[in-house]
Amino acid sequence: QYGLIFLPQLLSAVLGSVAGGILASRAGLGNLLIIALIANALSQACLGSIILLKPGPAFFAAMAATTLFGLAFGLSAAPLNTFPGLLFPRKSDSALVALHTLLGLGLSVGPLVAGQLIARGRWPYFPLLLFAGSLLLVAGAARARLPSDATAAAQPDPSRTLRELRLNPVLWTLVAIVILYAFAEGTFSNWAVIYLHEERGIGIAEAGTALSVFWAMVAAGRLLVSVLLLRIDAERIWLALPVLMVGGFFIVPLAHTEAEGIVVFGFAGLACS
């Protein structure tokens, strides 16, 4: 059941990513960001409602939460990856790296906060906090004067684009790489706390710390790579990181203590960066 919770999240994230491109050209990137933030707020409301439900309905509420979260994630991809370049045209690459570093910061802080609240029996405060935060972001995005994407109006011919996609082996190779990467990152991140807590007997808060370190190393590794690319050919990094991910899967079972869990998942995060 725990694994099944993430299936609708995957499907809705794909749907949101595909629909996001269409909505961005019709509704605008700013409105798309607001829609994504609303979906995110609703996902946290569903998650927080579990405290009021019996196990059966609670499971479906959890699936509704992950579905809405996946949709929010997919819809937000277009505005979040486009706005840095529009806001900072002279330093678009640096702005995008900064954005993803902040995303990594949020991913690393979240498990720490959640772990402490869970350990104290007050976990509903976490989704309620995120629900309130999402509403504040909705209000902020609605008032902000966000730039418009001038290229969004120039849409390519759909039939020509489809033909190009079918005949592009490089694209489909990258698609396969992305899917394999998602398997790796998803396995590390979605199962880290469950594995360390239930298999190794490590406390929830301590297991959450290992997950936080994983995401922190993902963010730190991306910053490191952005610097290394100034001196090292990108192909070498592409060849090295998958080998490190394989190594991560081999050393994770060696963790039996909190400190070992932090080290191995930190290494895994660096490999996934």
Protein backbone atom coordinates (compact mmCIF):
# COMPACT_ATOMS: atom_id res chain seq x y z
CA GLN A 1 0.00 0.00 0.00
CA TYR A 2 2.85 2.39 0.77
CA GLY A 3 4.40 1.82 -2.67
CA LEU A 4 1.01 2.12 -4.36
CA ILE A 5 0.54 5.62 -2.89
CA PHE A 6 3.20 6.94 -5.29
CA LEU A 7 1.68 5.50 -8.49
CA PRO A 8 -0.99 8.23 -8.95
CA GLN A 9 1.67 10.81 -8.10
CA LEU A 10 3.78 9.56 -11.00
CA LEU A 11 0.86 9.59 -13.44
CA SER A 12 -0.41 13.01 -12.40
CA ALA A 13 3.12 14.48 -12.56
CA VAL A 14 3.45 13.28 -16.16
CA LEU A 15 -0.02 14.61 -16.96
CA GLY A 16 0.79 17.95 -15.34
CA SER A 17 4.08 18.26 -17.24
CA VAL A 18 2.38 17.58 -20.58
CA ALA A 19 -0.59 19.84 -19.83
CA GLY A 20 1.70 22.54 -18.46
CA GLY A 21 3.16 23.30 -21.86
CA ILE A 22 -0.31 23.79 -23.34
CA LEU A 23 -1.61 25.83 -20.41
CA ALA A 24 1.50 28.03 -20.36
CA SER A 25 0.81 29.23 -23.91
CA ARG A 26 -2.89 29.80 -23.24
CA ALA A 27 -3.18 30.97 -19.63
CA GLY A 28 0.34 32.33 -19.13
CA LEU A 29 3.18 31.16 -16.89
CA GLY A 30 2.04 33.27 -13.93
CA ASN A 31 -1.45 31.77 -13.88
CA LEU A 32 0.03 28.30 -14.35
CA LEU A 33 2.19 28.83 -11.27
CA ILE A 34 -0.88 29.89 -9.27
CA ILE A 35 -2.77 26.75 -10.38
CA ALA A 36 0.18 24.59 -9.35
CA LEU A 37 0.36 26.25 -5.92
CA ILE A 38 -3.37 25.72 -5.39
CA ALA A 39 -3.00 22.02 -6.27
CA ASN A 40 -0.12 21.82 -3.80
CA ALA A 41 -2.23 23.43 -1.05
CA LEU A 42 -5.06 20.96 -1.70
CA SER A 43 -2.62 18.04 -1.53
CA GLN A 44 -1.53 19.10 1.96
CA ALA A 45 -5.15 19.53 3.03
CA CYS A 46 -5.84 15.93 1.95
CA LEU A 47 -2.76 14.73 3.80
CA GLY A 48 -3.73 16.54 6.99
CA SER A 49 -7.29 15.18 6.82
CA ILE A 50 -5.97 11.65 7.44
CA ILE A 51 -5.92 12.35 11.18
CA LEU A 52 -9.74 12.48 11.10
CA LEU A 53 -10.27 9.30 9.05
CA LYS A 54 -10.32 5.56 9.62
CA PRO A 55 -7.59 3.42 7.96
CA GLY A 56 -9.59 2.59 4.80
CA PRO A 57 -10.63 6.15 3.87
CA ALA A 58 -7.27 7.45 5.11
CA PHE A 59 -5.48 5.36 2.49
CA PHE A 60 -7.52 6.93 -0.30
CA ALA A 61 -6.98 10.38 1.21
CA ALA A 62 -3.23 9.71 1.06
CA MET A 63 -3.58 8.71 -2.60
CA ALA A 64 -5.55 11.90 -3.29
CA ALA A 65 -2.78 13.88 -1.59
CA THR A 66 -0.02 12.33 -3.69
CA THR A 67 -2.12 12.72 -6.86
CA LEU A 68 -2.57 16.45 -6.27
CA PHE A 69 1.07 16.81 -5.27
CA GLY A 70 2.21 15.11 -8.48
CA LEU A 71 -0.07 17.38 -10.50
CA ALA A 72 1.34 20.45 -8.74
CA PHE A 73 4.88 19.23 -9.38
CA GLY A 74 4.21 18.67 -13.07
CA LEU A 75 2.40 21.97 -13.62
CA SER A 76 5.08 23.96 -11.80
CA ALA A 77 7.93 22.64 -13.98
CA ALA A 78 7.35 25.12 -16.83
CA PRO A 79 7.11 28.34 -14.76
CA LEU A 80 9.82 27.40 -12.26
CA ASN A 81 12.34 26.52 -14.98
CA THR A 82 11.42 29.51 -17.16
CA PHE A 83 11.09 32.42 -14.74
CA PRO A 84 14.77 32.45 -13.59
CA GLY A 85 15.89 33.12 -17.16
CA LEU A 86 13.23 35.80 -17.64
CA LEU A 87 13.96 37.54 -14.36
CA PHE A 88 17.76 37.36 -14.73
CA PRO A 89 18.45 37.24 -18.50
CA ARG A 90 22.16 38.04 -18.10
CA LYS A 91 22.70 35.29 -15.52
CA SER A 92 20.04 32.78 -16.51
CA ASP A 93 22.20 29.68 -15.88
CA SER A 94 23.23 30.87 -12.42
CA ALA A 95 19.64 31.78 -11.60
CA LEU A 96 18.44 28.30 -12.58
CA VAL A 97 21.14 26.65 -10.46
CA ALA A 98 20.12 28.89 -7.55
CA LEU A 99 16.48 27.84 -7.98
CA HIS A 100 17.30 24.14 -7.89
CA THR A 101 19.59 24.71 -4.91
CA LEU A 102 16.67 26.28 -3.04
CA LEU A 103 14.49 23.33 -4.04
CA GLY A 104 17.15 21.04 -2.60
CA LEU A 105 17.22 23.12 0.59
CA GLY A 106 13.47 22.68 1.01
CA LEU A 107 13.74 18.94 0.36
CA SER A 108 16.47 18.61 2.98
CA VAL A 109 14.75 20.72 5.66
CA GLY A 110 11.34 19.03 5.21
CA PRO A 111 12.28 15.56 6.55
CA LEU A 112 14.01 17.15 9.57
CA VAL A 113 10.87 19.07 10.54
CA ALA A 114 8.54 16.18 9.76
CA GLY A 115 10.72 13.70 11.67
CA GLN A 116 10.71 15.81 14.81
CA LEU A 117 6.92 16.31 14.68
CA ILE A 118 6.31 12.60 14.05
CA ALA A 119 8.55 11.69 16.98
CA ARG A 120 6.42 13.96 19.20
CA GLY A 121 3.12 12.59 17.88
CA ARG A 122 2.22 15.89 16.19
CA TRP A 123 2.70 15.05 12.51
CA PRO A 124 -0.54 16.79 11.28
CA TYR A 125 1.12 20.14 12.02
CA PHE A 126 3.48 19.53 9.10
CA PRO A 127 0.90 19.33 6.27
CA LEU A 128 -1.08 22.14 7.92
CA LEU A 129 2.06 24.30 7.91
CA LEU A 130 2.64 23.52 4.23
CA PHE A 131 -1.03 24.18 3.46
CA ALA A 132 -0.79 27.64 5.02
CA GLY A 133 2.51 28.30 3.28
CA SER A 134 1.05 27.31 -0.09
CA LEU A 135 -1.87 29.71 0.39
CA LEU A 136 0.56 32.52 1.16
CA LEU A 137 2.48 31.71 -2.01
CA VAL A 138 -0.77 31.74 -4.01
CA ALA A 139 -1.52 35.23 -2.69
CA GLY A 140 2.05 36.36 -3.42
CA ALA A 141 2.06 34.96 -6.95
CA ALA A 142 -1.31 36.58 -7.66
CA ARG A 143 0.02 40.02 -6.64
CA ALA A 144 3.49 39.71 -8.17
CA ARG A 145 4.29 41.27 -11.54
CA LEU A 146 5.84 38.23 -13.15
CA PRO A 147 7.35 38.53 -16.63
CA SER A 148 5.61 36.89 -19.58
CA ASP A 149 7.33 34.39 -21.85
CA ALA A 150 7.40 35.96 -25.30
CA THR A 151 8.32 32.64 -26.89
CA ALA A 152 5.23 30.90 -25.59
CA ALA A 153 3.09 32.38 -28.36
CA ALA A 154 5.25 30.87 -31.10
CA GLN A 155 4.03 27.29 -31.03
CA PRO A 156 5.58 24.74 -33.44
CA ASP A 157 3.52 22.66 -35.84
CA PRO A 158 2.27 19.66 -33.75
CA SER A 159 2.42 17.15 -36.63
CA ARG A 160 5.99 18.16 -37.50
CA THR A 161 7.03 18.00 -33.84
CA LEU A 162 5.55 14.50 -33.52
CA ARG A 163 7.45 13.27 -36.58
CA GLU A 164 10.69 14.70 -35.18
CA LEU A 165 10.10 12.97 -31.84
CA ARG A 166 9.57 9.59 -33.51
CA LEU A 167 12.80 9.85 -35.50
CA ASN A 168 15.05 11.27 -32.80
CA PRO A 169 17.14 8.47 -31.18
CA VAL A 170 19.02 10.97 -28.99
CA LEU A 171 15.76 12.12 -27.40
CA TRP A 172 14.61 8.57 -26.65
CA THR A 173 18.01 7.74 -25.19
CA LEU A 174 17.63 10.70 -22.84
CA VAL A 175 14.08 9.57 -21.99
CA ALA A 176 15.46 6.15 -20.99
CA ILE A 177 18.19 7.81 -18.89
CA VAL A 178 15.63 10.01 -17.11
CA ILE A 179 13.39 7.01 -16.31
CA LEU A 180 16.29 4.99 -14.92
CA TYR A 181 17.43 7.99 -12.88
CA ALA A 182 13.91 8.42 -11.51
CA PHE A 183 13.92 4.77 -10.40
CA ALA A 184 17.20 5.34 -8.56
CA GLU A 185 16.33 8.65 -6.90
CA GLY A 186 12.79 7.51 -6.08
CA THR A 187 14.04 4.31 -4.45
CA PHE A 188 16.56 6.16 -2.31
CA SER A 189 14.26 9.00 -1.25
CA ASN A 190 10.87 7.27 -0.90
CA TRP A 191 12.18 4.28 1.03
CA ALA A 192 15.02 5.75 3.10
CA VAL A 193 12.99 6.41 6.26
CA ILE A 194 10.99 3.15 5.99
CA TYR A 195 14.19 1.12 5.47
CA LEU A 196 16.20 2.67 8.29
CA HIS A 197 13.27 2.67 10.75
CA GLU A 198 11.67 -0.71 10.11
CA GLU A 199 14.68 -2.75 8.92
CA ARG A 200 17.43 -1.22 11.05
CA GLY A 201 15.42 -0.07 14.07
CA ILE A 202 16.57 3.54 13.83
CA GLY A 203 14.20 6.19 15.23
CA ILE A 204 11.89 8.10 12.89
CA ALA A 205 13.56 11.45 13.57
CA GLU A 206 17.04 9.99 13.04
CA ALA A 207 15.95 8.25 9.83
CA GLY A 208 14.49 11.56 8.66
CA THR A 209 17.90 13.13 9.24
CA ALA A 210 19.47 10.63 6.84
CA LEU A 211 16.87 11.55 4.21
CA SER A 212 17.59 15.24 4.81
CA VAL A 213 21.29 14.60 4.25
CA PHE A 214 20.43 12.76 1.02
CA TRP A 215 18.60 15.80 -0.36
CA ALA A 216 21.24 18.20 0.97
CA MET A 217 23.93 16.26 -0.90
CA VAL A 218 21.80 16.29 -4.05
CA ALA A 219 21.72 20.09 -3.86
CA ALA A 220 25.41 20.37 -2.93
CA GLY A 221 26.38 17.99 -5.72
CA ARG A 222 24.52 20.06 -8.29
CA LEU A 223 26.36 23.17 -7.16
CA LEU A 224 29.63 21.26 -7.34
CA VAL A 225 28.88 19.98 -10.84
CA SER A 226 28.00 23.48 -12.05
CA VAL A 227 31.52 24.54 -10.99
CA LEU A 228 33.24 21.42 -12.37
CA LEU A 229 31.64 21.94 -15.78
CA LEU A 230 33.84 25.01 -16.17
CA ARG A 231 36.90 22.74 -16.12
CA ILE A 232 35.72 19.20 -16.92
CA ASP A 233 33.91 17.89 -19.99
CA ALA A 234 30.25 17.13 -19.22
CA GLU A 235 30.53 13.62 -20.67
CA ARG A 236 32.93 12.57 -17.92
CA ILE A 237 30.41 13.58 -15.27
CA TRP A 238 27.62 11.77 -17.13
CA LEU A 239 29.73 8.59 -17.12
CA ALA A 240 30.84 8.87 -13.49
CA LEU A 241 27.56 9.57 -11.68
CA PRO A 242 25.70 6.37 -12.76
CA VAL A 243 28.64 4.31 -11.46
CA LEU A 244 28.40 6.14 -8.14
CA MET A 245 24.63 5.44 -8.02
CA VAL A 246 25.31 1.73 -8.48
CA GLY A 247 27.80 1.95 -5.64
CA GLY A 248 25.19 3.69 -3.51
CA PHE A 249 22.80 0.76 -3.85
CA PHE A 250 25.54 -1.64 -2.77
CA ILE A 251 26.55 0.30 0.35
CA VAL A 252 23.05 1.24 1.64
CA PRO A 253 22.50 -2.27 3.11
CA LEU A 254 25.71 -1.82 5.12
CA ALA A 255 24.08 0.88 7.28
CA HIS A 256 23.08 -0.37 10.74
CA THR A 257 23.35 2.82 12.83
CA GLU A 258 22.19 6.42 12.52
CA ALA A 259 25.68 7.64 11.62
CA GLU A 260 26.11 4.94 8.97
CA GLY A 261 22.69 5.77 7.54
CA ILE A 262 23.64 9.42 7.21
CA VAL A 263 26.92 8.53 5.47
CA VAL A 264 25.48 6.06 2.94
CA PHE A 265 22.45 8.16 2.02
CA GLY A 266 24.68 11.23 1.81
CA PHE A 267 26.82 9.34 -0.69
CA ALA A 268 23.69 8.28 -2.58
CA GLY A 269 22.54 11.90 -2.73
CA LEU A 270 25.88 13.00 -4.18
CA ALA A 271 25.62 10.24 -6.79
CA CYS A 272 22.08 11.37 -7.73
CA SER A 273 23.09 15.02 -8.05
